[in-house]
Protein backbone atom coordinates (compact mmCIF):
# COMPACT_ATOMS: atom_id res chain seq x y z
CA UNK A 1 7.43 0.91 -1.63
CA UNK A 2 10.72 0.81 -3.52
CA UNK A 3 10.86 -2.34 -5.66
CA UNK A 4 13.79 -4.22 -7.18
CA UNK A 5 13.51 -6.44 -10.26
CA UNK A 6 9.71 -6.45 -10.18
CA UNK A 7 8.23 -8.37 -13.11
CA UNK A 8 5.51 -10.86 -14.12
CA UNK A 9 6.30 -14.44 -13.02
CA UNK A 10 6.96 -15.57 -16.60
CA UNK A 11 9.66 -12.88 -17.16
CA UNK A 12 13.30 -13.59 -16.16
CA UNK A 13 14.79 -11.57 -13.29
CA UNK A 14 17.26 -9.81 -15.58
CA UNK A 15 14.31 -8.03 -17.22
CA UNK A 16 12.78 -6.90 -13.92
CA UNK A 17 12.45 -3.18 -13.18
CA UNK A 18 13.22 -0.96 -10.20
CA UNK A 19 10.74 1.80 -9.35
CA UNK A 20 8.69 3.31 -6.57
CA UNK A 21 5.08 2.38 -5.86
CA UNK A 22 2.88 4.40 -3.54
CA UNK A 23 -0.79 4.19 -2.78
CA UNK A 24 -3.73 4.35 -0.43
CA UNK A 25 -5.62 1.32 0.87
CA UNK A 26 -8.33 0.55 3.42
CA UNK A 27 -8.60 -2.54 5.61
CA UNK A 28 -11.26 -4.88 4.23
CA UNK A 29 -13.00 -8.13 5.12
CA UNK A 30 -14.57 -10.08 2.28
CA UNK A 31 -16.99 -12.99 2.67
CA UNK A 32 -16.64 -15.34 -0.27
CA UNK A 33 -19.38 -17.28 -2.02
CA UNK A 34 -18.32 -20.43 -0.15
CA UNK A 35 -18.61 -18.70 3.23
CA UNK A 36 -14.98 -17.92 4.05
CA UNK A 37 -14.09 -14.54 5.55
CA UNK A 38 -10.82 -13.14 4.16
CA UNK A 39 -8.82 -10.16 5.43
CA UNK A 40 -7.08 -7.79 3.10
CA UNK A 41 -6.91 -4.35 1.51
CA UNK A 42 -9.10 -2.45 -0.95
CA UNK A 43 -7.27 -0.20 -3.39
CA UNK A 44 -8.18 3.50 -3.33
CA UNK A 45 -5.32 4.89 -5.42
CA UNK A 46 -1.97 3.73 -6.85
CA UNK A 47 0.95 5.84 -8.11
CA UNK A 48 4.36 5.04 -9.60
CA UNK A 49 7.35 7.02 -10.84
CA UNK A 50 7.68 4.72 -13.89
CA UNK A 51 5.75 5.06 -17.13
CA UNK A 52 6.66 1.45 -17.94
CA UNK A 53 5.09 0.31 -14.67
CA UNK A 54 1.98 2.38 -15.34
CA UNK A 55 1.52 0.76 -18.74
CA UNK A 56 2.37 -2.81 -17.71
CA UNK A 57 0.69 -2.59 -14.31
CA UNK A 58 -2.58 -1.32 -15.76
CA UNK A 59 -2.49 -3.98 -18.46
CA UNK A 60 -2.02 -6.84 -15.98
CA UNK A 61 -3.87 -5.58 -12.87
CA UNK A 62 -6.83 -3.49 -11.68
CA UNK A 63 -4.57 -1.12 -9.69
CA UNK A 64 -5.11 1.85 -12.08
CA UNK A 65 -1.58 3.24 -11.68
CA UNK A 66 -0.88 6.91 -12.35
CA UNK A 67 2.52 8.48 -12.99
CA UNK A 68 3.93 10.78 -10.32
CA UNK A 69 7.22 12.59 -9.74
CA UNK A 70 9.27 11.32 -6.81
CA UNK A 71 12.05 13.01 -4.87
CA UNK A 72 13.65 10.56 -2.45
CA UNK A 73 16.57 11.29 -0.11
CA UNK A 74 17.75 8.32 1.95
CA UNK A 75 20.49 8.37 4.55
CA UNK A 76 21.45 5.92 7.29
CA UNK A 77 19.27 7.88 9.71
CA UNK A 78 16.32 9.12 7.70
CA UNK A 79 14.14 8.99 4.62
CA UNK A 80 12.69 12.14 3.07
CA UNK A 81 10.07 11.43 0.44
CA UNK A 82 8.16 13.87 -1.76
CA UNK A 83 5.56 12.64 -4.26
CA UNK A 84 4.06 15.15 -6.69
CA UNK A 85 1.01 14.15 -8.72
CA UNK A 86 -0.25 15.67 -11.97
CA UNK A 87 -3.36 17.26 -10.46
CA UNK A 88 -2.00 17.73 -6.96
CA UNK A 89 -4.69 15.43 -5.58
CA UNK A 90 -2.28 12.90 -4.03
CA UNK A 91 0.80 14.95 -3.21
CA UNK A 92 2.73 13.60 -0.25
CA UNK A 93 5.66 14.82 1.84
CA UNK A 94 6.92 12.68 4.71
CA UNK A 95 10.11 12.41 6.74
CA UNK A 96 10.88 9.20 8.63
CA UNK A 97 13.53 8.82 11.31
CA UNK A 98 15.18 5.41 10.89
CA UNK A 99 17.86 5.60 13.58
CA UNK A 100 15.76 4.91 16.69
CA UNK A 101 12.47 3.25 17.53
CA UNK A 102 9.86 5.43 19.27
CA UNK A 103 8.66 4.22 22.64
CA UNK A 104 4.97 4.53 21.87
CA UNK A 105 2.57 5.24 18.99
CA UNK A 106 1.99 8.89 17.93
CA UNK A 107 -0.16 11.13 20.11
CA UNK A 108 -3.83 10.61 19.26
CA UNK A 109 -3.26 7.10 17.90
CA UNK A 110 -6.12 4.63 18.53
CA UNK A 111 -3.50 1.99 19.40
CA UNK A 112 -2.35 1.71 23.04
CA UNK A 113 1.05 0.26 22.06
CA UNK A 114 3.03 -1.04 19.10
CA UNK A 115 2.11 -4.65 19.87
CA UNK A 116 -1.50 -3.89 18.98
CA UNK A 117 -0.55 -1.56 16.12
CA UNK A 118 1.67 -4.21 14.55
CA UNK A 119 -1.41 -6.38 13.93
CA UNK A 120 -2.45 -3.75 11.37
CA UNK A 121 0.99 -3.56 9.79
CA UNK A 122 0.32 -6.75 7.86
CA UNK A 123 1.10 -8.73 6.05
CA UNK A 124 -2.55 -8.89 5.07
CA UNK A 125 -3.01 -11.83 2.70
CA UNK A 126 -5.28 -10.36 0.04
CA UNK A 127 -5.91 -7.31 -2.11
CA UNK A 128 -9.51 -6.92 -3.30
CA UNK A 129 -11.08 -5.05 -6.17
CA UNK A 130 -14.54 -4.97 -7.75
CA UNK A 131 -14.97 -5.88 -11.41
CA UNK A 132 -18.18 -4.24 -12.71
CA UNK A 133 -18.22 -6.21 -15.97
CA UNK A 134 -18.75 -9.51 -14.15
CA UNK A 135 -20.11 -8.30 -10.81
CA UNK A 136 -17.21 -10.11 -9.19
CA UNK A 137 -14.61 -9.41 -6.53
CA UNK A 138 -11.05 -9.88 -7.76
CA UNK A 139 -8.97 -11.53 -5.01
CA UNK A 140 -5.18 -11.26 -5.33
CA UNK A 141 -3.14 -13.16 -2.77
CA UNK A 142 0.29 -11.84 -1.83
CA UNK A 143 3.14 -14.05 -0.63
CA UNK A 144 5.82 -12.43 1.54
CA UNK A 145 8.66 -13.60 3.76
CA UNK A 146 10.96 -11.83 6.24
CA UNK A 147 8.10 -9.52 7.25
CA UNK A 148 9.45 -7.76 10.33
CA UNK A 149 7.93 -4.27 10.64
CA UNK A 150 9.94 -1.88 12.83
CA UNK A 151 8.20 1.18 14.33
CA UNK A 152 9.64 4.54 13.29
CA UNK A 153 8.84 8.20 13.89
CA UNK A 154 7.27 9.92 10.89
CA UNK A 155 6.45 13.56 10.23
CA UNK A 156 3.72 13.99 7.62
CA UNK A 157 4.15 17.44 6.10
CA UNK A 158 1.60 17.11 3.30
CA UNK A 159 -1.02 14.56 2.27
CA UNK A 160 -3.51 16.07 -0.16
CA UNK A 161 -5.28 12.76 -0.83
CA UNK A 162 -6.80 12.86 2.65
CA UNK A 163 -7.89 16.46 2.10
CA UNK A 164 -10.25 15.42 -0.70
CA UNK A 165 -13.65 13.73 -0.75
CA UNK A 166 -14.74 11.72 1.20
CA UNK A 167 -12.02 12.25 3.81
CA UNK A 168 -12.14 16.02 4.23
CA UNK A 169 -15.07 15.82 6.65
CA UNK A 170 -13.26 13.44 8.99
CA UNK A 171 -10.41 14.14 11.43
CA UNK A 172 -7.08 12.72 10.24
CA UNK A 173 -4.66 11.14 12.69
CA UNK A 174 -1.38 9.29 12.25
CA UNK A 175 -2.06 5.91 13.86
CA UNK A 176 1.36 4.30 13.45
CA UNK A 177 4.35 4.08 11.13
CA UNK A 178 6.50 1.04 10.38
CA UNK A 179 9.61 0.44 8.31
CA UNK A 180 10.34 -2.70 6.29
CA UNK A 181 13.08 -3.52 3.82
CA UNK A 182 14.52 -6.49 1.91
CA UNK A 183 11.16 -8.30 1.78
CA UNK A 184 10.85 -11.05 -0.89
CA UNK A 185 7.39 -10.44 -2.33
CA UNK A 186 5.18 -11.87 -5.05
CA UNK A 187 1.51 -12.00 -6.03
CA UNK A 188 -0.47 -15.05 -7.10
CA UNK A 189 -2.79 -14.88 -10.09
CA UNK A 190 -6.05 -13.10 -9.27
CA UNK A 191 -9.19 -15.14 -8.65
CA UNK A 192 -12.77 -14.00 -9.36
CA UNK A 193 -15.36 -14.50 -6.65
CA UNK A 194 -19.11 -13.95 -6.99
CA UNK A 195 -20.02 -13.16 -3.38
CA UNK A 196 -23.43 -13.88 -1.95
CA UNK A 197 -23.08 -11.39 0.90
CA UNK A 198 -20.30 -9.15 -0.40
CA UNK A 199 -17.55 -7.24 1.34
CA UNK A 200 -17.42 -4.66 4.05
């Protein structure tokens, strides 16, 4: 995700920063202490090409950002992205074609069509994390508008994160790929929940 003027809510827009955020998430359902079931994402790993974002992001959130090197080539027709991490454990190379929508999901996808796949392209309302010190789930609600994911064709040339534990024993398939841009986006303040039944 390429951000523009990202900043805490109390900071004026002129002091916002532009940088790239990348990461890995899993779909999650969390049952709260009051019995609600919420849909969202659980953070597995977060990277950024900005040392400022790493410092500020880790101070204000539980995302545990790490600094990576990013090579990004964008044209009207395509996006080539290469992310290189310090230990090589989350290196990524992808090429997306932006000039035409594919007619169907990639071969081997569990989704029969993009209508079904789009349900998993968000926007999912919450991001969840576990806070060991309090035994709580941190619930962060995102607010987005103009969320119109467009299917694109993507070639994944390298993804070392999925070659490590615990994923190396499982077959890896590209399920879908969507493109979004110019999305106004903000996060509400995180809320602690002490679940009776937990998440899954």
